[in-house]
Protein backbone atom coordinates (compact mmCIF):
# COMPACT_ATOMS: atom_id res chain seq x y z
CA UNK A 1 32.71 56.76 5.91
CA UNK A 2 36.09 55.40 6.96
CA UNK A 3 34.49 53.00 9.43
CA UNK A 4 32.30 51.44 6.76
CA UNK A 5 35.22 51.18 4.35
CA UNK A 6 37.17 49.38 7.08
CA UNK A 7 34.27 46.94 7.47
CA UNK A 8 34.35 46.37 3.72
CA UNK A 9 38.06 45.56 3.81
CA UNK A 10 37.52 43.18 6.73
CA UNK A 11 34.83 41.42 4.72
CA UNK A 12 37.13 41.14 1.71
CA UNK A 13 39.92 39.67 3.87
CA UNK A 14 37.50 37.07 5.25
CA UNK A 15 36.33 36.40 1.69
CA UNK A 16 39.85 35.50 0.59
CA UNK A 17 40.23 32.98 3.40
CA UNK A 18 36.82 31.48 2.70
CA UNK A 19 37.51 31.34 -1.04
CA UNK A 20 40.64 29.25 -0.58
CA UNK A 21 38.83 26.39 1.13
CA UNK A 22 35.71 26.74 -1.04
CA UNK A 23 37.71 26.68 -4.28
CA UNK A 24 39.35 23.40 -3.29
CA UNK A 25 35.98 21.92 -2.36
CA UNK A 26 34.54 23.05 -5.69
CA UNK A 27 37.42 21.52 -7.69
CA UNK A 28 37.10 18.18 -5.88
CA UNK A 29 33.34 18.00 -6.41
CA UNK A 30 33.58 19.19 -10.01
CA UNK A 31 35.94 16.36 -10.99
CA UNK A 32 35.20 13.49 -8.60
CA UNK A 33 31.54 14.31 -7.71
CA UNK A 34 32.36 13.59 -4.08
CA UNK A 35 30.73 15.73 -1.40
CA UNK A 36 33.90 15.85 0.68
CA UNK A 37 32.95 16.43 4.30
CA UNK A 38 36.60 15.93 5.31
CA UNK A 39 37.59 19.15 3.54
CA UNK A 40 37.24 21.01 6.84
CA UNK A 41 39.72 18.55 8.37
CA UNK A 42 42.30 19.49 5.72
CA UNK A 43 41.72 23.14 6.61
CA UNK A 44 42.30 22.37 10.29
CA UNK A 45 45.42 20.30 9.54
CA UNK A 46 46.80 23.17 7.47
CA UNK A 47 46.43 25.46 10.47
CA UNK A 48 48.04 23.01 12.90
CA UNK A 49 50.94 22.18 10.59
CA UNK A 50 51.56 25.84 9.82
CA UNK A 51 51.55 26.64 13.54
CA UNK A 52 54.19 23.95 14.15
CA UNK A 53 56.40 24.98 11.24
CA UNK A 54 56.07 28.74 11.75
CA UNK A 55 56.87 28.54 15.46
CA UNK A 56 59.82 26.28 14.62
CA UNK A 57 61.15 28.80 12.07
CA UNK A 58 59.94 31.91 13.86
CA UNK A 59 61.39 35.34 13.42
CA UNK A 60 61.84 35.60 9.66
CA UNK A 61 59.66 36.35 6.67
CA UNK A 62 60.99 33.30 4.86
CA UNK A 63 60.28 31.09 7.87
CA UNK A 64 56.65 32.24 8.12
CA UNK A 65 55.73 32.02 4.43
CA UNK A 66 57.82 28.90 3.93
CA UNK A 67 55.95 27.27 6.80
CA UNK A 68 52.57 28.29 5.31
CA UNK A 69 53.42 26.93 1.86
CA UNK A 70 54.97 23.73 3.20
CA UNK A 71 51.92 23.12 5.41
CA UNK A 72 49.67 23.41 2.35
CA UNK A 73 51.85 20.95 0.39
CA UNK A 74 51.85 18.44 3.25
CA UNK A 75 48.07 18.65 3.49
CA UNK A 76 47.92 17.99 -0.26
CA UNK A 77 49.94 14.80 0.28
CA UNK A 78 47.63 13.79 3.14
CA UNK A 79 44.71 14.31 0.77
CA UNK A 80 46.42 12.03 -1.75
CA UNK A 81 46.76 9.30 0.89
CA UNK A 82 43.06 9.61 1.79
CA UNK A 83 42.07 9.48 -1.87
CA UNK A 84 44.24 6.46 -2.69
CA UNK A 85 43.46 4.37 0.40
CA UNK A 86 39.78 5.17 0.96
CA UNK A 87 37.94 7.14 -1.70
CA UNK A 88 39.38 5.35 -4.74
CA UNK A 89 37.89 2.12 -3.39
CA UNK A 90 34.36 3.54 -3.24
CA UNK A 91 34.10 5.75 -6.34
CA UNK A 92 31.42 3.41 -7.67
CA UNK A 93 29.49 3.27 -4.39
CA UNK A 94 26.46 5.54 -3.91
CA UNK A 95 27.60 9.15 -3.56
CA UNK A 96 26.13 9.51 -0.09
CA UNK A 97 28.18 6.54 1.08
CA UNK A 98 31.21 8.54 0.03
CA UNK A 99 29.91 11.33 2.28
CA UNK A 100 29.78 8.91 5.21
CA UNK A 101 33.35 7.77 4.45
CA UNK A 102 34.63 11.34 4.51
CA UNK A 103 32.81 11.90 7.82
CA UNK A 104 34.68 8.89 9.20
CA UNK A 105 37.89 10.64 8.11
CA UNK A 106 36.76 13.75 10.02
CA UNK A 107 36.44 11.77 13.26
CA UNK A 108 39.82 10.09 12.80
CA UNK A 109 41.61 13.37 12.01
CA UNK A 110 40.03 15.10 15.03
CA UNK A 111 41.44 12.57 17.46
CA UNK A 112 44.76 12.38 15.63
CA UNK A 113 45.10 16.16 16.02
CA UNK A 114 44.08 15.85 19.68
CA UNK A 115 46.80 13.26 20.28
CA UNK A 116 49.50 15.31 18.50
CA UNK A 117 48.72 18.91 19.49
CA UNK A 118 46.52 18.53 22.57
CA UNK A 119 43.12 19.98 23.41
CA UNK A 120 44.17 23.58 24.16
CA UNK A 121 43.77 26.34 21.59
CA UNK A 122 47.07 27.45 20.05
CA UNK A 123 47.87 31.10 19.30
CA UNK A 124 50.09 31.50 16.25
CA UNK A 125 52.63 34.30 15.75
CA UNK A 126 51.97 37.34 13.60
CA UNK A 127 53.37 37.44 10.10
CA UNK A 128 56.79 39.16 10.10
CA UNK A 129 56.60 42.41 8.19
CA UNK A 130 52.80 42.41 8.32
CA UNK A 131 52.27 42.77 12.05
CA UNK A 132 51.16 46.38 12.12
CA UNK A 133 48.18 48.41 11.01
CA UNK A 134 47.94 51.18 8.44
CA UNK A 135 45.40 53.98 8.52
CA UNK A 136 43.01 54.24 5.59
CA UNK A 137 40.44 57.06 5.77
CA UNK A 138 41.38 57.43 9.40
CA UNK A 139 40.67 53.81 10.35
CA UNK A 140 43.38 51.27 11.33
CA UNK A 141 43.53 48.33 8.91
CA UNK A 142 45.78 45.34 9.71
CA UNK A 143 48.49 44.91 7.12
CA UNK A 144 47.88 41.17 7.15
CA UNK A 145 44.26 41.70 6.10
CA UNK A 146 45.45 43.73 3.12
CA UNK A 147 47.81 40.88 2.21
CA UNK A 148 44.92 38.40 2.37
CA UNK A 149 42.83 40.65 0.12
CA UNK A 150 45.60 40.39 -2.48
CA UNK A 151 46.19 36.64 -2.00
CA UNK A 152 42.62 35.62 -2.83
CA UNK A 153 42.50 37.12 -6.35
CA UNK A 154 46.09 35.96 -6.95
CA UNK A 155 45.10 32.36 -6.21
CA UNK A 156 42.02 32.74 -8.41
CA UNK A 157 44.21 33.99 -11.27
CA UNK A 158 46.61 31.07 -10.75
CA UNK A 159 43.78 28.54 -10.86
CA UNK A 160 42.38 30.17 -14.01
CA UNK A 161 45.78 29.96 -15.74
CA UNK A 162 46.19 26.35 -14.62
CA UNK A 163 42.77 25.34 -15.96
CA UNK A 164 42.91 27.29 -19.22
CA UNK A 165 46.57 27.21 -20.23
CA UNK A 166 47.65 23.66 -19.38
CA UNK A 167 46.61 20.29 -20.79
CA UNK A 168 45.89 19.00 -17.31
CA UNK A 169 43.60 21.95 -16.65
CA UNK A 170 41.70 21.34 -19.89
CA UNK A 171 41.19 17.70 -18.86
CA UNK A 172 39.93 18.78 -15.44
CA UNK A 173 37.43 21.16 -17.01
CA UNK A 174 36.35 18.43 -19.41
CA UNK A 175 35.87 16.00 -16.53
CA UNK A 176 33.78 18.61 -14.75
CA UNK A 177 31.47 18.76 -17.75
CA UNK A 178 31.39 15.06 -18.74
CA UNK A 179 33.78 12.71 -16.97
CA UNK A 180 32.37 9.60 -18.71
CA UNK A 181 33.38 11.05 -22.08
CA UNK A 182 36.85 11.83 -20.73
CA UNK A 183 37.19 8.19 -19.72
CA UNK A 184 35.95 7.06 -23.16
CA UNK A 185 38.76 9.08 -24.76
CA UNK A 186 41.36 7.00 -22.92
CA UNK A 187 42.28 9.46 -20.19
CA UNK A 188 43.39 7.85 -16.93
CA UNK A 189 40.54 9.06 -14.73
CA UNK A 190 42.03 7.64 -11.54
CA UNK A 191 45.11 9.83 -11.67
CA UNK A 192 43.09 12.80 -12.85
CA UNK A 193 40.88 12.38 -9.77
CA UNK A 194 43.95 12.05 -7.55
CA UNK A 195 45.57 15.20 -8.94
CA UNK A 196 42.36 17.19 -8.48
CA UNK A 197 42.02 15.90 -4.93
CA UNK A 198 45.61 16.89 -4.11
CA UNK A 199 45.06 20.40 -5.48
CA UNK A 200 41.78 20.83 -3.62
CA UNK A 201 43.27 19.54 -0.35
CA UNK A 202 46.32 21.80 -0.69
CA UNK A 203 44.06 24.83 -1.19
CA UNK A 204 42.15 23.91 1.98
CA UNK A 205 45.44 23.52 3.85
CA UNK A 206 46.60 26.90 2.53
CA UNK A 207 43.38 28.50 3.75
CA UNK A 208 43.91 27.07 7.23
CA UNK A 209 47.61 27.96 7.32
CA UNK A 210 46.90 31.60 6.46
CA UNK A 211 44.49 31.87 9.39
CA UNK A 212 47.02 31.32 12.20
CA UNK A 213 47.82 35.06 12.67
CA UNK A 214 44.07 35.86 12.76
CA UNK A 215 42.51 33.20 15.00
CA UNK A 216 43.41 30.50 17.48
CA UNK A 217 44.07 27.03 16.08
CA UNK A 218 41.58 24.61 17.64
CA UNK A 219 39.95 21.22 17.18
CA UNK A 220 36.67 22.91 16.28
CA UNK A 221 38.04 24.56 13.13
CA UNK A 222 37.00 21.72 10.83
CA UNK A 223 33.27 21.67 11.57
CA UNK A 224 33.04 25.44 12.04
CA UNK A 225 34.26 26.13 8.49
CA UNK A 226 32.86 23.26 6.44
CA UNK A 227 29.22 24.38 6.57
CA UNK A 228 30.09 27.87 5.37
CA UNK A 229 32.38 26.46 2.68
CA UNK A 230 29.57 24.27 1.34
CA UNK A 231 27.27 27.30 1.31
CA UNK A 232 29.78 29.30 -0.73
CA UNK A 233 30.27 26.48 -3.24
CA UNK A 234 26.52 26.00 -3.68
CA UNK A 235 25.79 29.73 -4.05
CA UNK A 236 28.56 30.07 -6.62
CA UNK A 237 27.55 26.90 -8.47
CA UNK A 238 28.96 23.42 -7.88
CA UNK A 239 32.25 23.01 -9.73
CA UNK A 240 32.67 26.72 -10.54
CA UNK A 241 35.80 28.23 -8.97
CA UNK A 242 34.87 31.72 -10.20
CA UNK A 243 31.43 31.28 -8.71
CA UNK A 244 33.02 30.30 -5.38
CA UNK A 245 35.02 33.54 -5.43
CA UNK A 246 31.94 35.66 -6.14
CA UNK A 247 29.94 33.85 -3.47
CA UNK A 248 32.73 34.18 -0.88
CA UNK A 249 32.87 37.93 -1.45
CA UNK A 250 29.09 38.22 -1.32
CA UNK A 251 28.73 36.24 1.92
CA UNK A 252 31.69 37.81 3.71
CA UNK A 253 30.84 41.41 2.85
CA UNK A 254 27.17 40.99 3.73
CA UNK A 255 28.13 39.38 7.02
CA UNK A 256 30.58 42.15 7.92
CA UNK A 257 27.80 44.76 7.64
CA UNK A 258 25.03 42.56 9.06
CA UNK A 259 26.97 42.33 12.33
CA UNK A 260 26.60 46.10 12.66
CA UNK A 261 22.91 46.27 11.79
CA UNK A 262 21.44 43.04 13.18
CA UNK A 263 24.08 40.94 15.00
CA UNK A 264 21.68 38.07 15.73
CA UNK A 265 21.29 37.28 12.03
CA UNK A 266 25.00 36.72 11.42
CA UNK A 267 24.93 33.03 12.45
CA UNK A 268 22.32 32.17 9.82
CA UNK A 269 22.91 34.85 7.18
CA UNK A 270 24.92 32.59 4.81
CA UNK A 271 22.10 30.04 4.83
CA UNK A 272 19.45 32.71 4.24
CA UNK A 273 21.43 34.00 1.25
CA UNK A 274 21.87 30.46 -0.06
CA UNK A 275 18.15 29.74 0.25
CA UNK A 276 17.26 32.93 -1.65
CA UNK A 277 19.81 32.24 -4.40
CA UNK A 278 18.68 28.62 -4.88
CA UNK A 279 15.00 29.57 -5.03
CA UNK A 280 15.59 32.08 -7.84
CA UNK A 281 18.76 30.57 -9.39
CA UNK A 282 18.56 26.78 -8.84
CA UNK A 283 22.10 26.08 -10.07
CA UNK A 284 23.90 28.86 -8.25
CA UNK A 285 25.20 32.18 -9.54
CA UNK A 286 27.66 30.75 -12.10
CA UNK A 287 26.56 27.11 -12.05
CA UNK A 288 25.13 25.21 -14.98
CA UNK A 289 22.17 22.80 -15.28
CA UNK A 290 23.28 19.31 -14.34
CA UNK A 291 26.01 20.51 -11.99
CA UNK A 292 24.01 19.18 -9.04
CA UNK A 293 24.41 15.56 -10.14
CA UNK A 294 26.77 13.37 -8.18
CA UNK A 295 28.36 10.08 -9.11
CA UNK A 296 26.21 7.86 -11.34
CA UNK A 297 24.30 5.34 -9.30
CA UNK A 298 23.54 1.73 -10.13
CA UNK A 299 19.88 0.88 -10.80
CA UNK A 300 18.08 -0.30 -7.71
CA UNK A 301 16.19 -3.54 -7.26
CA UNK A 302 12.40 -3.31 -7.01
CA UNK A 303 10.72 -3.33 -3.63
CA UNK A 304 9.96 -6.84 -2.46
CA UNK A 305 7.99 -8.12 0.50
CA UNK A 306 9.78 -9.89 3.33
CA UNK A 307 10.27 -13.62 3.02
CA UNK A 308 8.49 -15.77 5.64
CA UNK A 309 11.83 -16.45 7.38
CA UNK A 310 12.69 -12.74 7.50
CA UNK A 311 9.22 -12.00 8.85
CA UNK A 312 9.71 -14.58 11.60
CA UNK A 313 13.07 -13.06 12.54
CA UNK A 314 11.53 -9.58 12.67
CA UNK A 315 8.62 -10.74 14.84
CA UNK A 316 11.03 -12.50 17.19
CA UNK A 317 13.10 -9.32 17.47
CA UNK A 318 10.01 -7.24 18.24
CA UNK A 319 8.89 -9.75 20.85
CA UNK A 320 12.32 -9.67 22.52
CA UNK A 321 12.27 -5.86 22.48
CA UNK A 322 8.77 -5.75 23.99
CA UNK A 323 9.74 -8.12 26.81
CA UNK A 324 13.16 -6.54 27.50
CA UNK A 325 12.00 -4.22 30.36
CA UNK A 326 10.97 -7.29 32.33
CA UNK A 327 14.50 -8.70 32.34
CA UNK A 328 16.85 -5.70 32.04
CA UNK A 329 17.97 -2.79 34.22
CA UNK A 330 16.37 0.66 33.99
CA UNK A 331 19.42 2.06 32.21
CA UNK A 332 19.00 -0.52 29.46
CA UNK A 333 15.35 0.49 29.02
CA UNK A 334 16.40 4.13 28.64
CA UNK A 335 19.05 3.12 26.09
CA UNK A 336 16.48 1.08 24.16
CA UNK A 337 14.17 4.11 24.03
CA UNK A 338 17.07 6.03 22.47
CA UNK A 339 17.49 3.19 19.95
CA UNK A 340 13.76 3.29 19.05
CA UNK A 341 13.80 7.09 18.66
CA UNK A 342 16.89 6.94 16.45
CA UNK A 343 15.34 4.14 14.40
CA UNK A 344 12.11 6.06 13.78
CA UNK A 345 14.14 9.14 12.83
CA UNK A 346 16.35 7.10 10.48
CA UNK A 347 13.36 5.36 8.88
CA UNK A 348 11.71 8.74 8.22
CA UNK A 349 14.91 9.98 6.56
CA UNK A 350 15.14 6.75 4.56
CA UNK A 351 11.56 7.27 3.38
CA UNK A 352 12.62 10.63 1.96
CA UNK A 353 15.92 9.42 0.49
CA UNK A 354 15.46 5.75 -0.35
CA UNK A 355 11.83 5.86 -1.46
CA UNK A 356 11.54 9.48 -2.57
CA UNK A 357 15.06 10.00 -3.90
CA UNK A 358 15.35 13.36 -2.09
CA UNK A 359 18.62 13.77 -0.20
CA UNK A 360 18.29 15.85 2.97
CA UNK A 361 21.16 17.41 4.91
CA UNK A 362 18.73 19.06 7.34
CA UNK A 363 16.25 16.39 8.39
CA UNK A 364 16.89 17.22 12.05
CA UNK A 365 14.80 20.37 11.48
CA UNK A 366 11.57 18.35 11.70
CA UNK A 367 12.83 16.26 14.61
CA UNK A 368 13.53 19.51 16.46
CA UNK A 369 10.26 21.19 15.44
CA UNK A 370 8.31 18.21 16.79
CA UNK A 371 10.27 18.25 20.05
CA UNK A 372 9.98 22.01 20.55
CA UNK A 373 6.30 22.11 19.57
CA UNK A 374 5.47 19.48 22.19
CA UNK A 375 7.58 21.23 24.85
CA UNK A 376 6.09 24.65 24.11
CA UNK A 377 2.58 23.18 24.13
CA UNK A 378 3.22 21.86 27.64
CA UNK A 379 4.88 25.07 28.84
CA UNK A 380 2.61 27.75 27.35
CA UNK A 381 -0.64 26.00 26.38
CA UNK A 382 -0.95 23.68 29.34
CA UNK A 383 -1.24 20.56 27.19
CA UNK A 384 -0.90 17.13 28.73
CA UNK A 385 1.58 14.63 27.36
CA UNK A 386 -0.78 12.86 24.95
CA UNK A 387 -2.19 16.04 23.31
CA UNK A 388 1.36 17.41 23.06
CA UNK A 389 2.47 14.18 21.40
CA UNK A 390 -0.19 14.74 18.74
CA UNK A 391 0.61 18.46 18.40
CA UNK A 392 4.36 17.96 17.79
CA UNK A 393 4.16 15.83 14.62
CA UNK A 394 1.44 18.12 13.27
CA UNK A 395 3.74 21.15 13.61
CA UNK A 396 6.61 19.17 12.06
CA UNK A 397 4.37 18.25 9.11
CA UNK A 398 3.41 21.91 8.64
CA UNK A 399 7.09 22.93 8.69
CA UNK A 400 7.86 20.22 6.11
CA UNK A 401 4.88 21.39 4.05
CA UNK A 402 6.34 24.91 3.90
CA UNK A 403 10.02 24.11 3.33
CA UNK A 404 9.25 21.11 1.13
CA UNK A 405 7.37 23.30 -1.36
CA UNK A 406 10.65 25.10 -2.13
CA UNK A 407 12.93 22.09 -1.80
CA UNK A 408 11.21 19.74 -4.28
CA UNK A 409 11.81 22.28 -7.05
CA UNK A 410 15.51 21.44 -6.84
CA UNK A 411 17.44 18.19 -7.13
CA UNK A 412 20.71 16.56 -6.15
CA UNK A 413 23.15 18.51 -3.99
CA UNK A 414 21.17 21.74 -4.39
CA UNK A 415 18.07 20.15 -2.86
CA UNK A 416 20.17 18.75 -0.03
CA UNK A 417 21.75 22.13 0.67
CA UNK A 418 18.38 23.91 0.67
CA UNK A 419 17.18 21.47 3.34
CA UNK A 420 20.34 22.30 5.28
CA UNK A 421 19.58 26.01 4.94
CA UNK A 422 16.04 25.48 6.27
CA UNK A 423 17.38 23.55 9.26
CA UNK A 424 20.01 26.17 10.05
CA UNK A 425 17.50 29.00 9.82
CA UNK A 426 15.19 27.21 12.26
CA UNK A 427 18.17 26.47 14.51
CA UNK A 428 19.17 30.14 14.45
CA UNK A 429 15.66 31.30 15.37
CA UNK A 430 15.51 28.76 18.20
CA UNK A 431 18.96 29.70 19.47
CA UNK A 432 18.34 33.46 19.42
CA UNK A 433 14.71 33.65 20.61
CA UNK A 434 15.58 33.49 24.30
CA UNK A 435 12.20 34.62 25.67
CA UNK A 436 10.18 32.02 23.78
CA UNK A 437 12.41 28.99 23.21
CA UNK A 438 14.86 29.50 26.06
CA UNK A 439 17.73 29.97 23.64
CA UNK A 440 20.82 27.98 24.48
CA UNK A 441 19.30 27.07 27.86
CA UNK A 442 16.52 25.12 26.14
CA UNK A 443 13.19 24.16 27.67
CA UNK A 444 13.32 22.11 30.85
CA UNK A 445 10.78 20.13 32.83
CA UNK A 446 9.08 18.35 29.91
CA UNK A 447 8.48 15.15 31.83
CA UNK A 448 5.72 12.56 31.42
CA UNK A 449 2.83 12.80 33.93
CA UNK A 450 2.79 10.64 37.05
CA UNK A 451 1.07 7.64 35.47
CA UNK A 452 3.77 7.48 32.77
CA UNK A 453 6.78 8.62 34.80
CA UNK A 454 8.11 5.09 35.30
CA UNK A 455 10.89 4.14 32.86
CA UNK A 456 9.08 0.88 32.15
CA UNK A 457 5.73 2.57 31.37
CA UNK A 458 7.36 5.18 29.16
CA UNK A 459 9.29 2.44 27.38
CA UNK A 460 6.00 0.91 26.23
CA UNK A 461 4.64 4.32 25.17
CA UNK A 462 7.77 4.85 23.08
CA UNK A 463 7.52 1.28 21.78
CA UNK A 464 3.95 1.78 20.53
CA UNK A 465 4.68 5.15 18.93
CA UNK A 466 8.02 4.27 17.33
CA UNK A 467 7.18 0.77 16.14
CA UNK A 468 3.75 1.98 15.03
CA UNK A 469 5.31 4.86 13.10
CA UNK A 470 7.78 2.53 11.38
CA UNK A 471 4.94 0.13 10.48
CA UNK A 472 2.86 2.98 8.98
CA UNK A 473 5.76 4.17 6.85
CA UNK A 474 6.38 0.61 5.68
CA UNK A 475 2.73 0.35 4.64
CA UNK A 476 2.99 3.65 2.76
CA UNK A 477 6.17 2.44 1.02
CA UNK A 478 4.28 -0.59 -0.34
CA UNK A 479 1.13 1.41 -1.19
CA UNK A 480 0.37 2.80 -4.67
CA UNK A 481 1.62 6.18 -3.44
CA UNK A 482 4.93 4.59 -2.40
CA UNK A 483 5.40 2.90 -5.77
CA UNK A 484 4.60 6.14 -7.61
CA UNK A 485 7.09 8.00 -5.42
CA UNK A 486 9.76 5.41 -6.24
CA UNK A 487 8.91 5.67 -9.93
CA UNK A 488 9.38 9.44 -9.77
CA UNK A 489 12.75 8.88 -8.11
CA UNK A 490 13.92 6.38 -10.75
CA UNK A 491 12.80 8.40 -13.77
CA UNK A 492 11.06 11.71 -13.29
CA UNK A 493 10.79 12.26 -17.05
CA UNK A 494 8.93 8.98 -17.62
CA UNK A 495 6.66 9.65 -14.65
CA UNK A 496 5.74 13.05 -16.03
CA UNK A 497 5.16 11.54 -19.47
CA UNK A 498 2.43 9.24 -18.11
CA UNK A 499 0.71 12.09 -16.30
CA UNK A 500 2.12 11.84 -12.76
CA UNK A 501 2.33 15.13 -10.85
CA UNK A 502 5.91 14.47 -9.77
CA UNK A 503 6.42 17.55 -7.63
CA UNK A 504 3.20 16.97 -5.70
CA UNK A 505 4.15 13.38 -4.91
CA UNK A 506 7.64 14.41 -3.80
CA UNK A 507 6.14 17.22 -1.74
CA UNK A 508 3.76 14.85 0.03
CA UNK A 509 6.61 12.38 0.59
CA UNK A 510 8.59 15.24 2.13
CA UNK A 511 5.68 16.03 4.47
CA UNK A 512 5.21 12.40 5.54
CA UNK A 513 8.91 12.05 6.34
CA UNK A 514 8.85 15.33 8.28
CA UNK A 515 5.80 14.30 10.32
CA UNK A 516 7.36 11.04 11.48
CA UNK A 517 10.68 12.75 12.23
CA UNK A 518 8.62 15.11 14.40
CA UNK A 519 7.07 12.10 16.15
CA UNK A 520 10.58 10.85 16.95
CA UNK A 521 11.42 14.29 18.35
CA UNK A 522 8.33 14.23 20.58
CA UNK A 523 9.21 10.83 22.05
CA UNK A 524 12.77 12.05 22.60
CA UNK A 525 11.64 15.26 24.36
CA UNK A 526 9.52 13.47 26.95
CA UNK A 527 12.18 10.81 27.40
CA UNK A 528 14.86 13.38 28.31
CA UNK A 529 12.55 15.91 29.98
CA UNK A 530 14.09 18.78 28.04
CA UNK A 531 14.73 20.18 24.57
CA UNK A 532 17.78 22.12 23.36
CA UNK A 533 18.71 23.75 20.02
CA UNK A 534 21.02 20.80 19.29
CA UNK A 535 17.91 18.84 18.33
CA UNK A 536 17.78 20.92 15.12
CA UNK A 537 21.54 21.02 14.55
CA UNK A 538 23.71 19.82 11.68
CA UNK A 539 25.26 17.13 13.88
CA UNK A 540 21.93 15.32 14.32
CA UNK A 541 21.21 15.50 10.58
CA UNK A 542 24.62 13.97 9.87
CA UNK A 543 23.93 11.26 12.45
CA UNK A 544 20.70 10.44 10.60
CA UNK A 545 22.56 10.16 7.29
CA UNK A 546 25.13 7.85 8.84
CA UNK A 547 22.40 5.62 10.30
CA UNK A 548 20.64 5.26 6.95
CA UNK A 549 23.77 4.71 4.92
CA UNK A 550 25.44 2.36 7.39
CA UNK A 551 22.32 0.21 7.39
CA UNK A 552 21.87 0.38 3.62
CA UNK A 553 19.78 2.84 1.68
CA UNK A 554 18.54 0.19 -0.79
CA UNK A 555 16.77 -1.94 1.83
CA UNK A 556 13.77 -1.04 3.97
CA UNK A 557 15.42 -2.81 6.90
CA UNK A 558 18.60 -0.76 6.38
CA UNK A 559 17.76 2.23 8.61
CA UNK A 560 16.59 -0.09 11.39
CA UNK A 561 19.90 -1.96 11.37
CA UNK A 562 21.92 1.22 10.90
CA UNK A 563 20.23 3.17 13.71
CA UNK A 564 20.50 0.28 16.15
CA UNK A 565 24.19 -0.25 15.34
CA UNK A 566 24.93 3.49 15.46
CA UNK A 567 23.37 4.12 18.88
CA UNK A 568 24.83 1.00 20.50
CA UNK A 569 28.32 1.58 19.07
CA UNK A 570 28.22 5.26 20.03
CA UNK A 571 27.13 4.38 23.57
CA UNK A 572 30.06 1.97 23.83
CA UNK A 573 32.87 3.98 22.23
CA UNK A 574 32.08 7.33 23.87
CA UNK A 575 33.21 5.81 27.19
CA UNK A 576 36.69 5.23 25.76
CA UNK A 577 39.64 7.54 25.16
CA UNK A 578 39.94 8.75 21.57
CA UNK A 579 36.45 7.48 20.85
CA UNK A 580 36.18 9.53 17.66
CA UNK A 581 39.14 7.67 16.17
CA UNK A 582 37.54 4.32 17.05
CA UNK A 583 34.11 5.37 15.77
CA UNK A 584 35.54 6.78 12.54
CA UNK A 585 37.52 3.60 11.95
CA UNK A 586 34.38 1.49 12.43
CA UNK A 587 32.55 3.66 9.91
CA UNK A 588 35.35 3.28 7.36
CA UNK A 589 35.52 -0.49 7.85
CA UNK A 590 31.77 -0.80 7.20
CA UNK A 591 32.01 1.47 4.15
CA UNK A 592 34.92 -0.45 2.63
CA UNK A 593 33.71 -3.95 3.49
CA UNK A 594 29.98 -3.43 2.81
CA UNK A 595 29.50 -0.45 0.45
CA UNK A 596 25.79 -1.30 0.26
CA UNK A 597 25.43 -1.11 4.04
CA UNK A 598 24.88 -3.63 6.80
CA UNK A 599 21.68 -4.91 5.20
CA UNK A 600 23.46 -5.50 1.90
CA UNK A 601 26.32 -7.24 3.68
CA UNK A 602 23.90 -9.54 5.50
CA UNK A 603 22.16 -10.39 2.22
CA UNK A 604 25.47 -11.24 0.56
CA UNK A 605 26.52 -13.36 3.53
CA UNK A 606 23.19 -15.20 3.46
CA UNK A 607 23.58 -15.96 -0.26
CA UNK A 608 27.08 -17.33 0.38
CA UNK A 609 25.76 -19.56 3.18
CA UNK A 610 22.94 -20.84 0.96
CA UNK A 611 25.35 -21.62 -1.88
CA UNK A 612 27.66 -23.40 0.55
CA UNK A 613 24.77 -25.47 1.92
CA UNK A 614 23.70 -26.39 -1.61
């Protein structure tokens, strides 16, 4: 009995730490409607700053807790700088572009922390006065864990008092419900947003600072915590701090006991719980209808066919790409295959987001399913390359058919997070099923047969499949189905009023996007000769989002431009020191200079040139 009670207390201590970062994330989204991917960076900075301050003032209770509090306050100020210099400039940009901007901040902060604190993990000191263990029911319980169990509810009570007993708190709650009305009443929304961002950032910094006696401070802290924090916020209900507390307790306690019963499930348990909650409670435990909506978006221009000049430019580009193996080195041909794979993947994601209006945070799931299906078909079924290339997209389409049926019943951030849950569950199965998928070792030896083993021959196979796939999706986008899908995206209520089965059309759009993502995965698998669980990971899904949004989500050429720029820039900067800082800076420059993406920037530049010529 004592052992299980000790596990419960451990879960509650973890819940308090998780609640601190999740509450800040929930406050920021509730007021600003920004999906702040950089929140994990604030958590990491809180840990690093607390380590520096606590070791500087080591040996006293005041030095430890003063260092923790000061670290949280400094992180709040850093959050204010990020909000004033970057996010305030793009509040009216599409909400997903704001996500890309915060990811650029993540890359910059990672390399800044690397330059300041180095690459080695740092072990912080124990909290003075709380460095022992007490026995409860015969089991040793760290005193610091008991302190964390008390800190979580105390912070929750403080936030409740702040939001219910102060004028500022009432305005924040009002902005969470209807920020346009708050603006109409004459409230300075800009400073309200800034104050909420400072509070949310400080809470993330506090969560990181309190972790230094429990875990090593490392450069991986930001990405390791942000996924779980998003899960907690979504389960609790976007914008609900109380819901975040309930969800943090639920996830942490379940995880503490799941490790004992079925350790393999622990890496995906939060996502399984989130998927179950969203299926039966689409707005989270304490969320409200409409809480999934992000920043209001400007109406989009109708789809238009390419002008004759644009068509000539595209044909010239395709001709140059087709002839490139005849004039370039083998390495360049391999790089161009990577560009074509990334472009097909980005176009499939754009079909789901730009045409279908369904945001996906887990599109890599179908890329990975296609890659693994082809590799397993070769390994276990004895398929040749061409049959395996047909089998992979089919399996990806079936996976999208299954997960899409649940996903299209949600909208906004909740739909996006359910796609993330599906991807993480598939990743967890792939990672853990060592006998079948190879686990972390992957599947090796998936090479093209002898007739296609030449880099030049495989380049043309990839060219036909990738360019052909992009052409098919373009045809679908301009077909009656594509126009209906866009109509559902623009106004689902009107579409339903004229008799359109909106969910069915979104579901089929989901399946089409998944099938072509699977095709990209198949081409990638035979290009590299191997498949690893990373092909289903969050990082690849984020890369896809960046490609689409950098290129421009409102133009069919956007993902093509974005994917090409992303792969080429990544190939260049990864050879340099502090490449994350450089890459993140490039992302921010594009976001700030061309908030409608590269395609939108080119269109604006072309209009300026035409006006100047006239």
